[in-house]
Amino acid sequence: AGQKWQLRHTTQATALLDFVGELGSDLSLKYKLTLQQGD
């Protein structure tokens, strides 16, 4: 719901399931994908 970004996963896979039940129900979510390059 527009709040600050939370890191959910660090992975070398290209697919995943993110269980978000602890964040609430009927959620408006925005996901961001980044590529780690050193620091």
All heavy atoms as atom14 arrays in JSON, in Angstrom:
{
  "sequence": "AGQKWQLRHTTQATALLDFVGELGSDLSLKYKLTLQQGD",
  "atom14_mask": [
    [1, 1, 1, 1, 1, 0, 0, 0, 0, 0, 0, 0, 0, 0],
    [1, 1, 1, 1, 0, 0, 0, 0, 0, 0, 0, 0, 0, 0],
    [1, 1, 1, 1, 1, 1, 1, 1, 1, 0, 0, 0, 0, 0],
    [1, 1, 1, 1, 1, 1, 1, 1, 1, 0, 0, 0, 0, 0],
    [1, 1, 1, 1, 1, 1, 1, 1, 1, 1, 1, 1, 1, 1],
    [1, 1, 1, 1, 1, 1, 1, 1, 1, 0, 0, 0, 0, 0],
    [1, 1, 1, 1, 1, 1, 1, 1, 0, 0, 0, 0, 0, 0],
    [1, 1, 1, 1, 1, 1, 1, 1, 1, 1, 1, 0, 0, 0],
    [1, 1, 1, 1, 1, 1, 1, 1, 1, 1, 0, 0, 0, 0],
    [1, 1, 1, 1, 1, 1, 1, 0, 0, 0, 0, 0, 0, 0],
    [1, 1, 1, 1, 1, 1, 1, 0, 0, 0, 0, 0, 0, 0],
    [1, 1, 1, 1, 1, 1, 1, 1, 1, 0, 0, 0, 0, 0],
    [1, 1, 1, 1, 1, 0, 0, 0, 0, 0, 0, 0, 0, 0],
    [1, 1, 1, 1, 1, 1, 1, 0, 0, 0, 0, 0, 0, 0],
    [1, 1, 1, 1, 1, 0, 0, 0, 0, 0, 0, 0, 0, 0],
    [1, 1, 1, 1, 1, 1, 1, 1, 0, 0, 0, 0, 0, 0],
    [1, 1, 1, 1, 1, 1, 1, 1, 0, 0, 0, 0, 0, 0],
    [1, 1, 1, 1, 1, 1, 1, 1, 0, 0, 0, 0, 0, 0],
    [1, 1, 1, 1, 1, 1, 1, 1, 1, 1, 1, 0, 0, 0],
    [1, 1, 1, 1, 1, 1, 1, 0, 0, 0, 0, 0, 0, 0],
    [1, 1, 1, 1, 0, 0, 0, 0, 0, 0, 0, 0, 0, 0],
    [1, 1, 1, 1, 1, 1, 1, 1, 1, 0, 0, 0, 0, 0],
    [1, 1, 1, 1, 1, 1, 1, 1, 0, 0, 0, 0, 0, 0],
    [1, 1, 1, 1, 0, 0, 0, 0, 0, 0, 0, 0, 0, 0],
    [1, 1, 1, 1, 1, 1, 0, 0, 0, 0, 0, 0, 0, 0],
    [1, 1, 1, 1, 1, 1, 1, 1, 0, 0, 0, 0, 0, 0],
    [1, 1, 1, 1, 1, 1, 1, 1, 0, 0, 0, 0, 0, 0],
    [1, 1, 1, 1, 1, 1, 0, 0, 0, 0, 0, 0, 0, 0],
    [1, 1, 1, 1, 1, 1, 1, 1, 0, 0, 0, 0, 0, 0],
    [1, 1, 1, 1, 1, 1, 1, 1, 1, 0, 0, 0, 0, 0],
    [1, 1, 1, 1, 1, 1, 1, 1, 1, 1, 1, 1, 0, 0],
    [1, 1, 1, 1, 1, 1, 1, 1, 1, 0, 0, 0, 0, 0],
    [1, 1, 1, 1, 1, 1, 1, 1, 0, 0, 0, 0, 0, 0],
    [1, 1, 1, 1, 1, 1, 1, 0, 0, 0, 0, 0, 0, 0],
    [1, 1, 1, 1, 1, 1, 1, 1, 0, 0, 0, 0, 0, 0],
    [1, 1, 1, 1, 1, 1, 1, 1, 1, 0, 0, 0, 0, 0],
    [1, 1, 1, 1, 1, 1, 1, 1, 1, 0, 0, 0, 0, 0],
    [1, 1, 1, 1, 0, 0, 0, 0, 0, 0, 0, 0, 0, 0],
    [1, 1, 1, 1, 1, 1, 1, 1, 0, 0, 0, 0, 0, 0]
  ],
  "atom14_positions": [
    [[0.83, -1.22, 0.0], [0.0, 0.0, 0.0], [0.86, 1.26, 0.0], [0.57, 2.24, 0.72], [-0.95, -0.01, 1.19], [0.0, 0.0, 0.0], [0.0, 0.0, 0.0], [0.0, 0.0, 0.0], [0.0, 0.0, 0.0], [0.0, 0.0, 0.0], [0.0, 0.0, 0.0], [0.0, 0.0, 0.0], [0.0, 0.0, 0.0], [0.0, 0.0, 0.0]],
    [[1.92, 1.25, -0.77], [2.75, 2.44, -0.92], [3.74, 2.69, 0.2], [4.42, 3.73, 0.2], [0.0, 0.0, 0.0], [0.0, 0.0, 0.0], [0.0, 0.0, 0.0], [0.0, 0.0, 0.0], [0.0, 0.0, 0.0], [0.0, 0.0, 0.0], [0.0, 0.0, 0.0], [0.0, 0.0, 0.0], [0.0, 0.0, 0.0], [0.0, 0.0, 0.0]],
    [[3.85, 1.76, 1.15], [4.79, 1.94, 2.25], [6.21, 1.63, 1.79], [6.45, 1.3, 0.63], [4.39, 1.04, 3.42], [3.0, 1.36, 3.99], [2.59, 0.39, 5.08], [3.42, -0.29, 5.66], [1.29, 0.35, 5.36], [0.0, 0.0, 0.0], [0.0, 0.0, 0.0], [0.0, 0.0, 0.0], [0.0, 0.0, 0.0], [0.0, 0.0, 0.0]],
    [[7.17, 1.72, 2.69], [8.57, 1.58, 2.31], [8.86, 0.16, 1.83], [8.18, -0.8, 2.18], [9.48, 1.93, 3.49], [9.4, 0.99, 4.68], [10.36, 1.43, 5.78], [10.32, 0.45, 6.95], [11.25, 0.85, 8.02], [0.0, 0.0, 0.0], [0.0, 0.0, 0.0], [0.0, 0.0, 0.0], [0.0, 0.0, 0.0], [0.0, 0.0, 0.0]],
    [[9.91, 0.03, 1.03], [10.31, -1.25, 0.47], [10.83, -2.18, 1.56], [11.56, -1.76, 2.45], [11.4, -1.08, -0.59], [10.96, -0.38, -1.84], [11.28, 0.89, -2.22], [10.12, -0.91, -2.86], [10.7, 1.2, -3.43], [9.98, 0.1, -3.84], [9.48, -2.13, -3.06], [9.24, -0.07, -5.0], [8.74, -2.3, -4.22], [8.61, -1.29, -5.16]],
    [[10.45, -3.47, 1.45], [10.97, -4.51, 2.34], [11.65, -5.57, 1.48], [11.08, -6.03, 0.48], [9.84, -5.19, 3.11], [8.94, -4.29, 3.91], [7.79, -5.07, 4.55], [7.97, -6.19, 5.03], [6.61, -4.47, 4.53], [0.0, 0.0, 0.0], [0.0, 0.0, 0.0], [0.0, 0.0, 0.0], [0.0, 0.0, 0.0], [0.0, 0.0, 0.0]],
    [[12.84, -5.98, 1.84], [13.51, -7.07, 1.14], [12.83, -8.39, 1.5], [12.71, -8.73, 2.67], [14.99, -7.13, 1.52], [15.79, -8.27, 0.89], [15.84, -8.14, -0.63], [17.21, -8.32, 1.46], [0.0, 0.0, 0.0], [0.0, 0.0, 0.0], [0.0, 0.0, 0.0], [0.0, 0.0, 0.0], [0.0, 0.0, 0.0], [0.0, 0.0, 0.0]],
    [[12.38, -9.11, 0.47], [11.67, -10.37, 0.71], [12.53, -11.6, 0.38], [12.48, -12.6, 1.07], [10.39, -10.42, -0.15], [9.37, -9.36, 0.19], [8.74, -9.59, 1.54], [7.83, -10.74, 1.53], [7.16, -11.16, 2.6], [7.35, -10.55, 3.77], [6.35, -12.19, 2.54], [0.0, 0.0, 0.0], [0.0, 0.0, 0.0], [0.0, 0.0, 0.0]],
    [[13.29, -11.52, -0.71], [14.05, -12.69, -1.15], [15.34, -12.25, -1.83], [15.37, -11.24, -2.53], [13.25, -13.54, -2.16], [11.93, -14.02, -1.64], [11.79, -15.17, -0.91], [10.68, -13.47, -1.74], [10.51, -15.33, -0.59], [9.82, -14.31, -1.08], [0.0, 0.0, 0.0], [0.0, 0.0, 0.0], [0.0, 0.0, 0.0], [0.0, 0.0, 0.0]],
    [[16.37, -13.04, -1.64], [17.59, -12.95, -2.42], [17.8, -14.33, -3.03], [17.84, -15.33, -2.32], [18.79, -12.55, -1.56], [18.57, -11.23, -1.04], [20.07, -12.54, -2.38], [0.0, 0.0, 0.0], [0.0, 0.0, 0.0], [0.0, 0.0, 0.0], [0.0, 0.0, 0.0], [0.0, 0.0, 0.0], [0.0, 0.0, 0.0], [0.0, 0.0, 0.0]],
    [[17.91, -14.4, -4.36], [17.88, -15.7, -5.03], [18.63, -15.66, -6.35], [18.81, -14.59, -6.94], [16.42, -16.12, -5.3], [16.38, -17.39, -5.94], [15.7, -15.09, -6.18], [0.0, 0.0, 0.0], [0.0, 0.0, 0.0], [0.0, 0.0, 0.0], [0.0, 0.0, 0.0], [0.0, 0.0, 0.0], [0.0, 0.0, 0.0], [0.0, 0.0, 0.0]],
    [[19.05, -16.82, -6.81], [19.6, -16.97, -8.16], [18.59, -17.64, -9.08], [18.86, -17.82, -10.27], [20.89, -17.78, -8.12], [22.05, -17.04, -7.47], [23.37, -17.77, -7.59], [23.42, -18.99, -7.65], [24.46, -17.01, -7.63], [0.0, 0.0, 0.0], [0.0, 0.0, 0.0], [0.0, 0.0, 0.0], [0.0, 0.0, 0.0], [0.0, 0.0, 0.0]],
    [[17.43, -17.96, -8.55], [16.35, -18.52, -9.38], [15.7, -17.41, -10.18], [15.96, -16.22, -9.98], [15.33, -19.22, -8.49], [0.0, 0.0, 0.0], [0.0, 0.0, 0.0], [0.0, 0.0, 0.0], [0.0, 0.0, 0.0], [0.0, 0.0, 0.0], [0.0, 0.0, 0.0], [0.0, 0.0, 0.0], [0.0, 0.0, 0.0], [0.0, 0.0, 0.0]],
    [[14.83, -17.78, -11.08], [14.1, -16.79, -11.89], [12.59, -16.92, -11.68], [11.81, -16.44, -12.49], [14.45, -16.94, -13.38], [14.15, -18.28, -13.8], [15.91, -16.64, -13.63], [0.0, 0.0, 0.0], [0.0, 0.0, 0.0], [0.0, 0.0, 0.0], [0.0, 0.0, 0.0], [0.0, 0.0, 0.0], [0.0, 0.0, 0.0], [0.0, 0.0, 0.0]],
    [[12.21, -17.59, -10.6], [10.79, -17.71, -10.25], [10.71, -18.03, -8.77], [11.58, -18.71, -8.22], [10.1, -18.79, -11.07], [0.0, 0.0, 0.0], [0.0, 0.0, 0.0], [0.0, 0.0, 0.0], [0.0, 0.0, 0.0], [0.0, 0.0, 0.0], [0.0, 0.0, 0.0], [0.0, 0.0, 0.0], [0.0, 0.0, 0.0], [0.0, 0.0, 0.0]],
    [[9.65, -17.56, -8.14], [9.47, -17.86, -6.72], [8.04, -17.6, -6.3], [7.27, -16.91, -6.99], [10.44, -17.06, -5.84], [10.42, -15.54, -5.91], [9.3, -14.92, -5.07], [11.76, -14.97, -5.44], [0.0, 0.0, 0.0], [0.0, 0.0, 0.0], [0.0, 0.0, 0.0], [0.0, 0.0, 0.0], [0.0, 0.0, 0.0], [0.0, 0.0, 0.0]],
    [[7.68, -18.19, -5.17], [6.41, -17.92, -4.51], [6.7, -17.1, -3.27], [7.57, -17.46, -2.47], [5.69, -19.22, -4.12], [5.39, -20.22, -5.22], [4.58, -21.39, -4.65], [4.66, -19.59, -6.38], [0.0, 0.0, 0.0], [0.0, 0.0, 0.0], [0.0, 0.0, 0.0], [0.0, 0.0, 0.0], [0.0, 0.0, 0.0], [0.0, 0.0, 0.0]],
    [[5.99, -16.01, -3.1], [6.13, -15.17, -1.93], [4.85, -15.25, -1.12], [3.8, -14.73, -1.54], [6.42, -13.72, -2.35], [6.7, -12.82, -1.16], [7.22, -13.33, -0.14], [6.4, -11.61, -1.24], [0.0, 0.0, 0.0], [0.0, 0.0, 0.0], [0.0, 0.0, 0.0], [0.0, 0.0, 0.0], [0.0, 0.0, 0.0], [0.0, 0.0, 0.0]],
    [[4.91, -15.93, 0.03], [3.74, -16.02, 0.9], [3.66, -14.76, 1.75], [4.59, -14.43, 2.49], [3.79, -17.28, 1.75], [3.17, -18.46, 1.06], [3.88, -19.15, 0.08], [1.86, -18.84, 1.32], [3.31, -20.22, -0.6], [1.27, -19.89, 0.65], [1.99, -20.59, -0.32], [0.0, 0.0, 0.0], [0.0, 0.0, 0.0], [0.0, 0.0, 0.0]],
    [[2.55, -14.06, 1.63], [2.42, -12.72, 2.2], [1.34, -12.64, 3.27], [0.94, -11.55, 3.66], [2.13, -11.69, 1.08], [3.29, -11.6, 0.11], [0.83, -12.05, 0.33], [0.0, 0.0, 0.0], [0.0, 0.0, 0.0], [0.0, 0.0, 0.0], [0.0, 0.0, 0.0], [0.0, 0.0, 0.0], [0.0, 0.0, 0.0], [0.0, 0.0, 0.0]],
    [[0.86, -13.77, 3.74], [-0.22, -13.77, 4.7], [0.09, -12.99, 5.95], [-0.81, -12.36, 6.55], [0.0, 0.0, 0.0], [0.0, 0.0, 0.0], [0.0, 0.0, 0.0], [0.0, 0.0, 0.0], [0.0, 0.0, 0.0], [0.0, 0.0, 0.0], [0.0, 0.0, 0.0], [0.0, 0.0, 0.0], [0.0, 0.0, 0.0], [0.0, 0.0, 0.0]],
    [[1.37, -12.96, 6.37], [1.71, -12.22, 7.59], [1.62, -10.72, 7.38], [1.6, -9.94, 8.34], [3.12, -12.61, 8.07], [4.27, -11.89, 7.4], [4.68, -12.49, 6.06], [3.96, -13.39, 5.58], [5.69, -12.07, 5.5], [0.0, 0.0, 0.0], [0.0, 0.0, 0.0], [0.0, 0.0, 0.0], [0.0, 0.0, 0.0], [0.0, 0.0, 0.0]],
    [[1.52, -10.28, 6.11], [1.4, -8.85, 5.81], [-0.05, -8.39, 5.82], [-0.32, -7.19, 5.79], [2.02, -8.54, 4.45], [3.51, -8.88, 4.29], [3.97, -8.58, 2.87], [4.36, -8.12, 5.3], [0.0, 0.0, 0.0], [0.0, 0.0, 0.0], [0.0, 0.0, 0.0], [0.0, 0.0, 0.0], [0.0, 0.0, 0.0], [0.0, 0.0, 0.0]],
    [[-0.99, -9.35, 5.83], [-2.4, -9.0, 5.83], [-3.15, -9.71, 4.72], [-2.63, -10.62, 4.07], [0.0, 0.0, 0.0], [0.0, 0.0, 0.0], [0.0, 0.0, 0.0], [0.0, 0.0, 0.0], [0.0, 0.0, 0.0], [0.0, 0.0, 0.0], [0.0, 0.0, 0.0], [0.0, 0.0, 0.0], [0.0, 0.0, 0.0], [0.0, 0.0, 0.0]],
    [[-4.38, -9.29, 4.5], [-5.21, -9.87, 3.44], [-5.68, -8.76, 2.52], [-5.66, -7.58, 2.87], [-6.4, -10.61, 4.04], [-7.18, -9.74, 4.84], [0.0, 0.0, 0.0], [0.0, 0.0, 0.0], [0.0, 0.0, 0.0], [0.0, 0.0, 0.0], [0.0, 0.0, 0.0], [0.0, 0.0, 0.0], [0.0, 0.0, 0.0], [0.0, 0.0, 0.0]],
    [[-6.11, -9.17, 1.33], [-6.59, -8.22, 0.31], [-5.59, -7.06, 0.16], [-5.93, -5.88, 0.31], [-7.98, -7.7, 0.67], [-9.0, -8.82, 0.76], [-9.02, -9.67, -0.14], [-9.75, -8.87, 1.75], [0.0, 0.0, 0.0], [0.0, 0.0, 0.0], [0.0, 0.0, 0.0], [0.0, 0.0, 0.0], [0.0, 0.0, 0.0], [0.0, 0.0, 0.0]],
    [[-4.36, -7.42, -0.18], [-3.25, -6.48, -0.19], [-3.04, -5.84, -1.54], [-3.2, -6.48, -2.59], [-1.96, -7.21, 0.2], [-1.91, -7.84, 1.59], [-0.69, -8.74, 1.71], [-1.89, -6.76, 2.67], [0.0, 0.0, 0.0], [0.0, 0.0, 0.0], [0.0, 0.0, 0.0], [0.0, 0.0, 0.0], [0.0, 0.0, 0.0], [0.0, 0.0, 0.0]],
    [[-2.66, -4.56, -1.54], [-2.15, -3.87, -2.73], [-0.63, -3.89, -2.63], [-0.05, -3.28, -1.72], [-2.67, -2.44, -2.8], [-4.07, -2.42, -2.96], [0.0, 0.0, 0.0], [0.0, 0.0, 0.0], [0.0, 0.0, 0.0], [0.0, 0.0, 0.0], [0.0, 0.0, 0.0], [0.0, 0.0, 0.0], [0.0, 0.0, 0.0], [0.0, 0.0, 0.0]],
    [[0.02, -4.57, -3.55], [1.45, -4.82, -3.46], [2.16, -4.28, -4.69], [1.64, -4.33, -5.8], [1.73, -6.33, -3.36], [1.07, -7.07, -2.19], [1.23, -8.56, -2.36], [1.66, -6.62, -0.87], [0.0, 0.0, 0.0], [0.0, 0.0, 0.0], [0.0, 0.0, 0.0], [0.0, 0.0, 0.0], [0.0, 0.0, 0.0], [0.0, 0.0, 0.0]],
    [[3.36, -3.77, -4.46], [4.26, -3.44, -5.56], [5.58, -4.16, -5.3], [6.15, -4.07, -4.21], [4.5, -1.94, -5.66], [5.47, -1.56, -6.81], [5.63, -0.06, -6.94], [4.43, 0.56, -7.62], [4.66, 2.0, -7.94], [0.0, 0.0, 0.0], [0.0, 0.0, 0.0], [0.0, 0.0, 0.0], [0.0, 0.0, 0.0], [0.0, 0.0, 0.0]],
    [[6.02, -4.92, -6.32], [7.28, -5.65, -6.22], [8.35, -4.97, -7.07], [8.05, -4.41, -8.14], [7.1, -7.1, -6.69], [6.44, -7.99, -5.66], [5.05, -8.13, -5.64], [7.19, -8.66, -4.71], [4.43, -8.93, -4.69], [6.57, -9.46, -3.75], [5.21, -9.6, -3.75], [4.6, -10.38, -2.81], [0.0, 0.0, 0.0], [0.0, 0.0, 0.0]],
    [[9.57, -5.06, -6.59], [10.72, -4.52, -7.33], [11.78, -5.62, -7.44], [12.11, -6.27, -6.44], [11.3, -3.3, -6.62], [12.54, -2.71, -7.29], [12.91, -1.36, -6.7], [13.32, -1.46, -5.24], [13.76, -0.15, -4.7], [0.0, 0.0, 0.0], [0.0, 0.0, 0.0], [0.0, 0.0, 0.0], [0.0, 0.0, 0.0], [0.0, 0.0, 0.0]],
    [[12.27, -5.82, -8.64], [13.33, -6.78, -8.92], [14.62, -6.03, -9.16], [14.67, -5.09, -9.96], [12.98, -7.61, -10.17], [14.05, -8.56, -10.71], [14.26, -9.74, -9.76], [13.66, -9.06, -12.11], [0.0, 0.0, 0.0], [0.0, 0.0, 0.0], [0.0, 0.0, 0.0], [0.0, 0.0, 0.0], [0.0, 0.0, 0.0], [0.0, 0.0, 0.0]],
    [[15.69, -6.42, -8.46], [17.0, -5.79, -8.67], [18.03, -6.88, -8.92], [17.88, -8.05, -8.53], [17.43, -4.95, -7.46], [17.81, -5.82, -6.39], [16.34, -4.01, -7.01], [0.0, 0.0, 0.0], [0.0, 0.0, 0.0], [0.0, 0.0, 0.0], [0.0, 0.0, 0.0], [0.0, 0.0, 0.0], [0.0, 0.0, 0.0], [0.0, 0.0, 0.0]],
    [[19.11, -6.48, -9.58], [20.24, -7.35, -9.84], [21.4, -6.9, -8.96], [21.78, -5.72, -8.97], [20.65, -7.27, -11.32], [21.88, -8.07, -11.74], [21.64, -9.56, -11.62], [22.25, -7.71, -13.19], [0.0, 0.0, 0.0], [0.0, 0.0, 0.0], [0.0, 0.0, 0.0], [0.0, 0.0, 0.0], [0.0, 0.0, 0.0], [0.0, 0.0, 0.0]],
    [[21.92, -7.83, -8.19], [23.04, -7.5, -7.3], [24.34, -7.53, -8.09], [24.68, -8.54, -8.72], [23.1, -8.5, -6.15], [24.04, -8.1, -5.03], [23.5, -6.95, -4.19], [22.32, -6.95, -3.85], [24.36, -5.99, -3.87], [0.0, 0.0, 0.0], [0.0, 0.0, 0.0], [0.0, 0.0, 0.0], [0.0, 0.0, 0.0], [0.0, 0.0, 0.0]],
    [[25.08, -6.43, -8.06], [26.38, -6.36, -8.74], [27.41, -5.84, -7.73], [27.57, -4.63, -7.56], [26.31, -5.44, -9.96], [25.42, -6.0, -11.07], [25.53, -5.19, -12.35], [25.81, -4.0, -12.32], [25.33, -5.85, -13.47], [0.0, 0.0, 0.0], [0.0, 0.0, 0.0], [0.0, 0.0, 0.0], [0.0, 0.0, 0.0], [0.0, 0.0, 0.0]],
    [[28.06, -6.79, -7.05], [28.99, -6.39, -6.0], [28.24, -5.69, -4.89], [27.29, -6.22, -4.32], [0.0, 0.0, 0.0], [0.0, 0.0, 0.0], [0.0, 0.0, 0.0], [0.0, 0.0, 0.0], [0.0, 0.0, 0.0], [0.0, 0.0, 0.0], [0.0, 0.0, 0.0], [0.0, 0.0, 0.0], [0.0, 0.0, 0.0], [0.0, 0.0, 0.0]],
    [[28.66, -4.47, -4.56], [27.99, -3.69, -3.53], [26.84, -2.86, -4.08], [26.14, -2.2, -3.32], [28.99, -2.75, -2.84], [30.04, -3.53, -2.04], [29.72, -4.65, -1.6], [31.17, -3.02, -1.89], [0.0, 0.0, 0.0], [0.0, 0.0, 0.0], [0.0, 0.0, 0.0], [0.0, 0.0, 0.0], [0.0, 0.0, 0.0], [0.0, 0.0, 0.0]]
  ]
}
